[in-house]
Amino acid sequence: MNTLQVIPFVWICVILLVTLVATPIINKLVPKFVNPTDGFNSRVLFTILFSVSILSILLTIIGPWIGMREVSLEPFQTFFYDWPRNFFSILG
């Protein structure tokens, strides 16, 4: 029941992060890795890679704060253990 109460806040956070943080960063990074002559598939590949990387990093830190309803240093202390799991779970 606690999880169901937190899910709307997580979704709002994800939408805000995508809109305000990830999209501007992605729009700056993709042209640095993709040439104008490259195809659609390469643009999509880099967009997905950067989106997943940025969101998994941010949500590895912000997600526990929302779930535990407190801001602590624990996400930073366990970041290198938690982040790879979050990154690959988003991809899979």
PDB file of N, CA and C in Angstrom:
ATOM      1  N   MET A   1       0.825  -1.200   0.000  1.00  0.00           N
ATOM      2  CA  MET A   1       0.000   0.000   0.000  1.00  0.00           C
ATOM      3  C   MET A   1       0.873   1.269   0.000  1.00  0.00           C
ATOM      4  N   ASN A   2       1.998   1.202   0.725  1.00  0.00           N
ATOM      5  CA  ASN A   2       2.903   2.359   0.751  1.00  0.00           C
ATOM      6  C   ASN A   2       3.466   2.655  -0.636  1.00  0.00           C
ATOM      7  N   THR A   3       3.752   1.601  -1.387  1.00  0.00           N
ATOM      8  CA  THR A   3       4.290   1.782  -2.736  1.00  0.00           C
ATOM      9  C   THR A   3       3.279   2.487  -3.628  1.00  0.00           C
ATOM     10  N   LEU A   4       2.031   2.097  -3.530  1.00  0.00           N
ATOM     11  CA  LEU A   4       0.991   2.716  -4.357  1.00  0.00           C
ATOM     12  C   LEU A   4       0.811   4.197  -4.025  1.00  0.00           C
ATOM     13  N   GLN A   5       1.072   4.566  -2.794  1.00  0.00           N
ATOM     14  CA  GLN A   5       0.957   5.971  -2.408  1.00  0.00           C
ATOM     15  C   GLN A   5       2.109   6.805  -2.955  1.00  0.00           C
ATOM     16  N   VAL A   6       3.257   6.192  -3.185  1.00  0.00           N
ATOM     17  CA  VAL A   6       4.452   6.921  -3.631  1.00  0.00           C
ATOM     18  C   VAL A   6       4.531   7.019  -5.151  1.00  0.00           C
ATOM     19  N   ILE A   7       3.941   6.071  -5.866  1.00  0.00           N
ATOM     20  CA  ILE A   7       4.070   6.015  -7.329  1.00  0.00           C
ATOM     21  C   ILE A   7       3.679   7.318  -8.032  1.00  0.00           C
ATOM     22  N   PRO A   8       2.577   7.987  -7.670  1.00  0.00           N
ATOM     23  CA  PRO A   8       2.270   9.252  -8.367  1.00  0.00           C
ATOM     24  C   PRO A   8       3.362  10.310  -8.218  1.00  0.00           C
ATOM     25  N   PHE A   9       3.996  10.371  -7.064  1.00  0.00           N
ATOM     26  CA  PHE A   9       5.071  11.350  -6.862  1.00  0.00           C
ATOM     27  C   PHE A   9       6.300  11.003  -7.698  1.00  0.00           C
ATOM     28  N   VAL A  10       6.575   9.717  -7.829  1.00  0.00           N
ATOM     29  CA  VAL A  10       7.704   9.293  -8.649  1.00  0.00           C
ATOM     30  C   VAL A  10       7.446   9.645 -10.106  1.00  0.00           C
ATOM     31  N   TRP A  11       6.236   9.401 -10.593  1.00  0.00           N
ATOM     32  CA  TRP A  11       5.911   9.717 -11.987  1.00  0.00           C
ATOM     33  C   TRP A  11       6.000  11.216 -12.254  1.00  0.00           C
ATOM     34  N   ILE A  12       5.527  12.012 -11.324  1.00  0.00           N
ATOM     35  CA  ILE A  12       5.633  13.469 -11.484  1.00  0.00           C
ATOM     36  C   ILE A  12       7.101  13.872 -11.525  1.00  0.00           C
ATOM     37  N   CYS A  13       7.905  13.285 -10.655  1.00  0.00           N
ATOM     38  CA  CYS A  13       9.348  13.571 -10.637  1.00  0.00           C
ATOM     39  C   CYS A  13       9.999  13.164 -11.951  1.00  0.00           C
ATOM     40  N   VAL A  14       9.643  12.001 -12.487  1.00  0.00           N
ATOM     41  CA  VAL A  14      10.212  11.532 -13.756  1.00  0.00           C
ATOM     42  C   VAL A  14       9.844  12.484 -14.886  1.00  0.00           C
ATOM     43  N   ILE A  15       8.594  12.893 -14.951  1.00  0.00           N
ATOM     44  CA  ILE A  15       8.153  13.808 -16.013  1.00  0.00           C
ATOM     45  C   ILE A  15       8.903  15.138 -15.919  1.00  0.00           C
ATOM     46  N   LEU A  16       9.054  15.655 -14.704  1.00  0.00           N
ATOM     47  CA  LEU A  16       9.784  16.915 -14.532  1.00  0.00           C
ATOM     48  C   LEU A  16      11.265  16.762 -14.889  1.00  0.00           C
ATOM     49  N   LEU A  17      11.866  15.647 -14.483  1.00  0.00           N
ATOM     50  CA  LEU A  17      13.273  15.426 -14.810  1.00  0.00           C
ATOM     51  C   LEU A  17      13.498  15.292 -16.309  1.00  0.00           C
ATOM     52  N   VAL A  18      12.610  14.581 -16.986  1.00  0.00           N
ATOM     53  CA  VAL A  18      12.752  14.428 -18.438  1.00  0.00           C
ATOM     54  C   VAL A  18      12.605  15.772 -19.118  1.00  0.00           C
ATOM     55  N   THR A  19      11.596  16.519 -18.716  1.00  0.00           N
ATOM     56  CA  THR A  19      11.304  17.792 -19.373  1.00  0.00           C
ATOM     57  C   THR A  19      12.339  18.867 -19.073  1.00  0.00           C
ATOM     58  N   LEU A  20      12.708  19.005 -17.805  1.00  0.00           N
ATOM     59  CA  LEU A  20      13.539  20.134 -17.394  1.00  0.00           C
ATOM     60  C   LEU A  20      15.038  19.841 -17.373  1.00  0.00           C
ATOM     61  N   VAL A  21      15.422  18.580 -17.191  1.00  0.00           N
ATOM     62  CA  VAL A  21      16.846  18.268 -17.040  1.00  0.00           C
ATOM     63  C   VAL A  21      17.370  17.436 -18.205  1.00  0.00           C
ATOM     64  N   ALA A  22      16.765  16.284 -18.427  1.00  0.00           N
ATOM     65  CA  ALA A  22      17.326  15.334 -19.393  1.00  0.00           C
ATOM     66  C   ALA A  22      17.252  15.840 -20.832  1.00  0.00           C
ATOM     67  N   THR A  23      16.112  16.349 -21.246  1.00  0.00           N
ATOM     68  CA  THR A  23      15.953  16.772 -22.639  1.00  0.00           C
ATOM     69  C   THR A  23      16.955  17.858 -23.048  1.00  0.00           C
ATOM     70  N   PRO A  24      17.153  18.919 -22.255  1.00  0.00           N
ATOM     71  CA  PRO A  24      18.165  19.908 -22.656  1.00  0.00           C
ATOM     72  C   PRO A  24      19.574  19.327 -22.741  1.00  0.00           C
ATOM     73  N   ILE A  25      19.924  18.447 -21.810  1.00  0.00           N
ATOM     74  CA  ILE A  25      21.261  17.835 -21.847  1.00  0.00           C
ATOM     75  C   ILE A  25      21.398  16.945 -23.069  1.00  0.00           C
ATOM     76  N   ILE A  26      20.382  16.159 -23.352  1.00  0.00           N
ATOM     77  CA  ILE A  26      20.407  15.251 -24.503  1.00  0.00           C
ATOM     78  C   ILE A  26      20.505  16.045 -25.804  1.00  0.00           C
ATOM     79  N   ASN A  27      19.761  17.139 -25.887  1.00  0.00           N
ATOM     80  CA  ASN A  27      19.785  17.960 -27.097  1.00  0.00           C
ATOM     81  C   ASN A  27      21.162  18.589 -27.341  1.00  0.00           C
ATOM     82  N   LYS A  28      21.962  18.756 -26.288  1.00  0.00           N
ATOM     83  CA  LYS A  28      23.311  19.274 -26.456  1.00  0.00           C
ATOM     84  C   LYS A  28      24.326  18.168 -26.743  1.00  0.00           C
ATOM     85  N   LEU A  29      24.096  16.976 -26.168  1.00  0.00           N
ATOM     86  CA  LEU A  29      25.062  15.897 -26.325  1.00  0.00           C
ATOM     87  C   LEU A  29      24.955  15.160 -27.656  1.00  0.00           C
ATOM     88  N   VAL A  30      23.754  14.907 -28.122  1.00  0.00           N
ATOM     89  CA  VAL A  30      23.566  14.100 -29.338  1.00  0.00           C
ATOM     90  C   VAL A  30      24.293  14.704 -30.538  1.00  0.00           C
ATOM     91  N   PRO A  31      24.189  16.010 -30.806  1.00  0.00           N
ATOM     92  CA  PRO A  31      24.916  16.552 -31.973  1.00  0.00           C
ATOM     93  C   PRO A  31      26.436  16.416 -31.879  1.00  0.00           C
ATOM     94  N   LYS A  32      26.975  16.279 -30.665  1.00  0.00           N
ATOM     95  CA  LYS A  32      28.422  16.112 -30.522  1.00  0.00           C
ATOM     96  C   LYS A  32      28.875  14.709 -30.917  1.00  0.00           C
ATOM     97  N   PHE A  33      27.970  13.750 -30.876  1.00  0.00           N
ATOM     98  CA  PHE A  33      28.323  12.365 -31.180  1.00  0.00           C
ATOM     99  C   PHE A  33      27.775  11.886 -32.520  1.00  0.00           C
ATOM    100  N   VAL A  34      26.870  12.656 -33.113  1.00  0.00           N
ATOM    101  CA  VAL A  34      26.237  12.253 -34.366  1.00  0.00           C
ATOM    102  C   VAL A  34      26.510  13.323 -35.413  1.00  0.00           C
ATOM    103  N   ASN A  35      26.989  12.913 -36.554  1.00  0.00           N
ATOM    104  CA  ASN A  35      27.217  13.838 -37.665  1.00  0.00           C
ATOM    105  C   ASN A  35      25.914  14.095 -38.407  1.00  0.00           C
ATOM    106  N   PRO A  36      25.815  15.230 -39.111  1.00  0.00           N
ATOM    107  CA  PRO A  36      24.602  15.502 -39.887  1.00  0.00           C
ATOM    108  C   PRO A  36      24.309  14.448 -40.960  1.00  0.00           C
ATOM    109  N   THR A  37      25.343  13.765 -41.403  1.00  0.00           N
ATOM    110  CA  THR A  37      25.139  12.748 -42.435  1.00  0.00           C
ATOM    111  C   THR A  37      24.752  11.389 -41.856  1.00  0.00           C
ATOM    112  N   ASP A  38      24.810  11.235 -40.534  1.00  0.00           N
ATOM    113  CA  ASP A  38      24.438   9.966 -39.909  1.00  0.00           C
ATOM    114  C   ASP A  38      22.939   9.739 -40.011  1.00  0.00           C
ATOM    115  N   GLY A  39      22.556   8.501 -39.932  1.00  0.00           N
ATOM    116  CA  GLY A  39      21.163   8.129 -40.113  1.00  0.00           C
ATOM    117  C   GLY A  39      20.317   8.258 -38.855  1.00  0.00           C
ATOM    118  N   PHE A  40      19.065   7.942 -39.046  1.00  0.00           N
ATOM    119  CA  PHE A  40      18.071   8.013 -37.981  1.00  0.00           C
ATOM    120  C   PHE A  40      18.433   7.065 -36.840  1.00  0.00           C
ATOM    121  N   ASN A  41      18.892   5.861 -37.176  1.00  0.00           N
ATOM    122  CA  ASN A  41      19.191   4.857 -36.157  1.00  0.00           C
ATOM    123  C   ASN A  41      20.287   5.310 -35.201  1.00  0.00           C
ATOM    124  N   SER A  42      21.296   5.979 -35.713  1.00  0.00           N
ATOM    125  CA  SER A  42      22.366   6.444 -34.828  1.00  0.00           C
ATOM    126  C   SER A  42      21.862   7.539 -33.890  1.00  0.00           C
ATOM    127  N   ARG A  43      20.996   8.399 -34.382  1.00  0.00           N
ATOM    128  CA  ARG A  43      20.417   9.437 -33.521  1.00  0.00           C
ATOM    129  C   ARG A  43      19.569   8.818 -32.420  1.00  0.00           C
ATOM    130  N   VAL A  44      18.773   7.840 -32.778  1.00  0.00           N
ATOM    131  CA  VAL A  44      17.929   7.165 -31.790  1.00  0.00           C
ATOM    132  C   VAL A  44      18.789   6.431 -30.769  1.00  0.00           C
ATOM    133  N   LEU A  45      19.837   5.769 -31.223  1.00  0.00           N
ATOM    134  CA  LEU A  45      20.726   5.036 -30.326  1.00  0.00           C
ATOM    135  C   LEU A  45      21.327   5.956 -29.276  1.00  0.00           C
ATOM    136  N   PHE A  46      21.892   7.087 -29.702  1.00  0.00           N
ATOM    137  CA  PHE A  46      22.510   8.001 -28.753  1.00  0.00           C
ATOM    138  C   PHE A  46      21.477   8.678 -27.861  1.00  0.00           C
ATOM    139  N   THR A  47      20.315   8.979 -28.392  1.00  0.00           N
ATOM    140  CA  THR A  47      19.261   9.573 -27.581  1.00  0.00           C
ATOM    141  C   THR A  47      18.834   8.616 -26.474  1.00  0.00           C
ATOM    142  N   ILE A  48      18.651   7.350 -26.808  1.00  0.00           N
ATOM    143  CA  ILE A  48      18.262   6.356 -25.803  1.00  0.00           C
ATOM    144  C   ILE A  48      19.375   6.169 -24.776  1.00  0.00           C
ATOM    145  N   LEU A  49      20.602   6.053 -25.237  1.00  0.00           N
ATOM    146  CA  LEU A  49      21.727   5.853 -24.326  1.00  0.00           C
ATOM    147  C   LEU A  49      21.860   7.006 -23.335  1.00  0.00           C
ATOM    148  N   PHE A  50      21.781   8.233 -23.826  1.00  0.00           N
ATOM    149  CA  PHE A  50      21.896   9.385 -22.941  1.00  0.00           C
ATOM    150  C   PHE A  50      20.675   9.517 -22.029  1.00  0.00           C
ATOM    151  N   SER A  51      19.497   9.238 -22.542  1.00  0.00           N
ATOM    152  CA  SER A  51      18.286   9.314 -21.714  1.00  0.00           C
ATOM    153  C   SER A  51      18.350   8.337 -20.555  1.00  0.00           C
ATOM    154  N   VAL A  52      18.690   7.105 -20.861  1.00  0.00           N
ATOM    155  CA  VAL A  52      18.761   6.073 -19.819  1.00  0.00           C
ATOM    156  C   VAL A  52      19.860   6.408 -18.819  1.00  0.00           C
ATOM    157  N   SER A  53      20.990   6.856 -19.294  1.00  0.00           N
ATOM    158  CA  SER A  53      22.101   7.184 -18.384  1.00  0.00           C
ATOM    159  C   SER A  53      21.726   8.321 -17.446  1.00  0.00           C
ATOM    160  N   ILE A  54      21.220   9.399 -17.988  1.00  0.00           N
ATOM    161  CA  ILE A  54      20.893  10.570 -17.181  1.00  0.00           C
ATOM    162  C   ILE A  54      19.784  10.249 -16.185  1.00  0.00           C
ATOM    163  N   LEU A  55      18.709   9.620 -16.653  1.00  0.00           N
ATOM    164  CA  LEU A  55      17.593   9.333 -15.759  1.00  0.00           C
ATOM    165  C   LEU A  55      17.963   8.302 -14.702  1.00  0.00           C
ATOM    166  N   SER A  56      18.747   7.308 -15.056  1.00  0.00           N
ATOM    167  CA  SER A  56      19.116   6.317 -14.044  1.00  0.00           C
ATOM    168  C   SER A  56      20.017   6.928 -12.975  1.00  0.00           C
ATOM    169  N   ILE A  57      20.908   7.835 -13.362  1.00  0.00           N
ATOM    170  CA  ILE A  57      21.756   8.509 -12.371  1.00  0.00           C
ATOM    171  C   ILE A  57      20.911   9.371 -11.441  1.00  0.00           C
ATOM    172  N   LEU A  58      20.041  10.179 -12.018  1.00  0.00           N
ATOM    173  CA  LEU A  58      19.218  11.072 -11.193  1.00  0.00           C
ATOM    174  C   LEU A  58      18.241  10.311 -10.306  1.00  0.00           C
ATOM    175  N   LEU A  59      17.597   9.292 -10.861  1.00  0.00           N
ATOM    176  CA  LEU A  59      16.603   8.567 -10.084  1.00  0.00           C
ATOM    177  C   LEU A  59      17.229   7.626  -9.057  1.00  0.00           C
ATOM    178  N   THR A  60      18.479   7.243  -9.247  1.00  0.00           N
ATOM    179  CA  THR A  60      19.175   6.472  -8.221  1.00  0.00           C
ATOM    180  C   THR A  60      19.343   7.312  -6.954  1.00  0.00           C
ATOM    181  N   ILE A  61      19.463   8.601  -7.129  1.00  0.00           N
ATOM    182  CA  ILE A  61      19.619   9.501  -5.983  1.00  0.00           C
ATOM    183  C   ILE A  61      18.258   9.996  -5.477  1.00  0.00           C
ATOM    184  N   ILE A  62      17.402  10.440  -6.380  1.00  0.00           N
ATOM    185  CA  ILE A  62      16.137  11.056  -5.982  1.00  0.00           C
ATOM    186  C   ILE A  62      15.083  10.026  -5.585  1.00  0.00           C
ATOM    187  N   GLY A  63      15.090   8.853  -6.216  1.00  0.00           N
ATOM    188  CA  GLY A  63      14.094   7.825  -5.928  1.00  0.00           C
ATOM    189  C   GLY A  63      14.027   7.421  -4.466  1.00  0.00           C
ATOM    190  N   PRO A  64      15.159   7.105  -3.839  1.00  0.00           N
ATOM    191  CA  PRO A  64      15.098   6.765  -2.408  1.00  0.00           C
ATOM    192  C   PRO A  64      14.601   7.913  -1.532  1.00  0.00           C
ATOM    193  N   TRP A  65      14.897   9.138  -1.916  1.00  0.00           N
ATOM    194  CA  TRP A  65      14.398  10.277  -1.141  1.00  0.00           C
ATOM    195  C   TRP A  65      12.879  10.309  -1.171  1.00  0.00           C
ATOM    196  N   ILE A  66      12.303  10.061  -2.336  1.00  0.00           N
ATOM    197  CA  ILE A  66      10.845  10.056  -2.453  1.00  0.00           C
ATOM    198  C   ILE A  66      10.272   8.854  -1.719  1.00  0.00           C
ATOM    199  N   GLY A  67      10.878   7.691  -1.905  1.00  0.00           N
ATOM    200  CA  GLY A  67      10.363   6.476  -1.294  1.00  0.00           C
ATOM    201  C   GLY A  67      10.432   6.478   0.224  1.00  0.00           C
ATOM    202  N   MET A  68      11.544   6.980   0.758  1.00  0.00           N
ATOM    203  CA  MET A  68      11.700   7.006   2.217  1.00  0.00           C
ATOM    204  C   MET A  68      11.116   8.270   2.831  1.00  0.00           C
ATOM    205  N   ARG A  69      10.743   9.212   1.974  1.00  0.00           N
ATOM    206  CA  ARG A  69      10.173  10.490   2.407  1.00  0.00           C
ATOM    207  C   ARG A  69      11.102  11.274   3.322  1.00  0.00           C
ATOM    208  N   GLU A  70      12.389  11.181   3.018  1.00  0.00           N
ATOM    209  CA  GLU A  70      13.389  11.975   3.725  1.00  0.00           C
ATOM    210  C   GLU A  70      14.627  12.123   2.849  1.00  0.00           C
ATOM    211  N   VAL A  71      15.288  13.245   2.987  1.00  0.00           N
ATOM    212  CA  VAL A  71      16.524  13.487   2.247  1.00  0.00           C
ATOM    213  C   VAL A  71      17.688  13.056   3.128  1.00  0.00           C
ATOM    214  N   SER A  72      18.472  12.119   2.619  1.00  0.00           N
ATOM    215  CA  SER A  72      19.616  11.623   3.386  1.00  0.00           C
ATOM    216  C   SER A  72      20.804  11.441   2.444  1.00  0.00           C
ATOM    217  N   LEU A  73      21.932  11.093   3.004  1.00  0.00           N
ATOM    218  CA  LEU A  73      23.133  10.851   2.215  1.00  0.00           C
ATOM    219  C   LEU A  73      23.244   9.405   1.757  1.00  0.00           C
ATOM    220  N   GLU A  74      22.333   8.550   2.177  1.00  0.00           N
ATOM    221  CA  GLU A  74      22.410   7.131   1.844  1.00  0.00           C
ATOM    222  C   GLU A  74      22.483   6.862   0.340  1.00  0.00           C
ATOM    223  N   PRO A  75      21.681   7.551  -0.515  1.00  0.00           N
ATOM    224  CA  PRO A  75      21.811   7.286  -1.957  1.00  0.00           C
ATOM    225  C   PRO A  75      23.203   7.580  -2.506  1.00  0.00           C
ATOM    226  N   PHE A  76      23.884   8.545  -1.933  1.00  0.00           N
ATOM    227  CA  PHE A  76      25.246   8.843  -2.375  1.00  0.00           C
ATOM    228  C   PHE A  76      26.229   7.787  -1.876  1.00  0.00           C
ATOM    229  N   GLN A  77      25.995   7.286  -0.675  1.00  0.00           N
ATOM    230  CA  GLN A  77      26.883   6.284  -0.100  1.00  0.00           C
ATOM    231  C   GLN A  77      26.775   4.938  -0.816  1.00  0.00           C
ATOM    232  N   THR A  78      25.593   4.618  -1.321  1.00  0.00           N
ATOM    233  CA  THR A  78      25.373   3.330  -2.000  1.00  0.00           C
ATOM    234  C   THR A  78      25.243   3.490  -3.511  1.00  0.00           C
ATOM    235  N   PHE A  79      25.642   4.637  -4.032  1.00  0.00           N
ATOM    236  CA  PHE A  79      25.432   4.942  -5.446  1.00  0.00           C
ATOM    237  C   PHE A  79      26.083   3.916  -6.373  1.00  0.00           C
ATOM    238  N   PHE A  80      27.344   3.581  -6.148  1.00  0.00           N
ATOM    239  CA  PHE A  80      28.060   2.696  -7.076  1.00  0.00           C
ATOM    240  C   PHE A  80      27.586   1.250  -6.986  1.00  0.00           C
ATOM    241  N   TYR A  81      26.861   0.920  -5.953  1.00  0.00           N
ATOM    242  CA  TYR A  81      26.228  -0.393  -5.863  1.00  0.00           C
ATOM    243  C   TYR A  81      24.856  -0.365  -6.550  1.00  0.00           C
ATOM    244  N   ASP A  82      24.102   0.714  -6.347  1.00  0.00           N
ATOM    245  CA  ASP A  82      22.720   0.798  -6.841  1.00  0.00           C
ATOM    246  C   ASP A  82      22.623   1.208  -8.304  1.00  0.00           C
ATOM    247  N   TRP A  83      23.492   2.118  -8.756  1.00  0.00           N
ATOM    248  CA  TRP A  83      23.330   2.670 -10.097  1.00  0.00           C
ATOM    249  C   TRP A  83      23.424   1.637 -11.220  1.00  0.00           C
ATOM    250  N   PRO A  84      24.413   0.743 -11.237  1.00  0.00           N
ATOM    251  CA  PRO A  84      24.453  -0.225 -12.344  1.00  0.00           C
ATOM    252  C   PRO A  84      23.174  -1.083 -12.411  1.00  0.00           C
ATOM    253  N   ARG A  85      22.642  -1.451 -11.260  1.00  0.00           N
ATOM    254  CA  ARG A  85      21.413  -2.233 -11.238  1.00  0.00           C
ATOM    255  C   ARG A  85      20.257  -1.423 -11.830  1.00  0.00           C
ATOM    256  N   ASN A  86      20.158  -0.158 -11.469  1.00  0.00           N
ATOM    257  CA  ASN A  86      19.097   0.687 -12.022  1.00  0.00           C
ATOM    258  C   ASN A  86      19.291   0.929 -13.513  1.00  0.00           C
ATOM    259  N   PHE A  87      20.523   1.157 -13.937  1.00  0.00           N
ATOM    260  CA  PHE A  87      20.802   1.405 -15.344  1.00  0.00           C
ATOM    261  C   PHE A  87      20.374   0.215 -16.192  1.00  0.00           C
ATOM    262  N   PHE A  88      20.786  -0.982 -15.809  1.00  0.00           N
ATOM    263  CA  PHE A  88      20.476  -2.143 -16.619  1.00  0.00           C
ATOM    264  C   PHE A  88      19.024  -2.597 -16.467  1.00  0.00           C
ATOM    265  N   SER A  89      18.356  -2.261 -15.370  1.00  0.00           N
ATOM    266  CA  SER A  89      16.939  -2.603 -15.258  1.00  0.00           C
ATOM    267  C   SER A  89      16.096  -1.698 -16.153  1.00  0.00           C
ATOM    268  N   ILE A  90      16.543  -0.462 -16.385  1.00  0.00           N
ATOM    269  CA  ILE A  90      15.831   0.421 -17.304  1.00  0.00           C
ATOM    270  C   ILE A  90      16.005  -0.066 -18.732  1.00  0.00           C
ATOM    271  N   LEU A  91      17.198  -0.546 -19.069  1.00  0.00           N
ATOM    272  CA  LEU A  91      17.445  -1.043 -20.419  1.00  0.00           C
ATOM    273  C   LEU A  91      16.690  -2.343 -20.695  1.00  0.00           C
ATOM    274  N   GLY A  92      16.542  -3.168 -19.686  1.00  0.00           N
ATOM    275  CA  GLY A  92      15.930  -4.487 -19.886  1.00  0.00           C
ATOM    276  C   GLY A  92      14.489  -4.420 -19.750  1.00  0.00           C
TER     277      GLY A  92
END
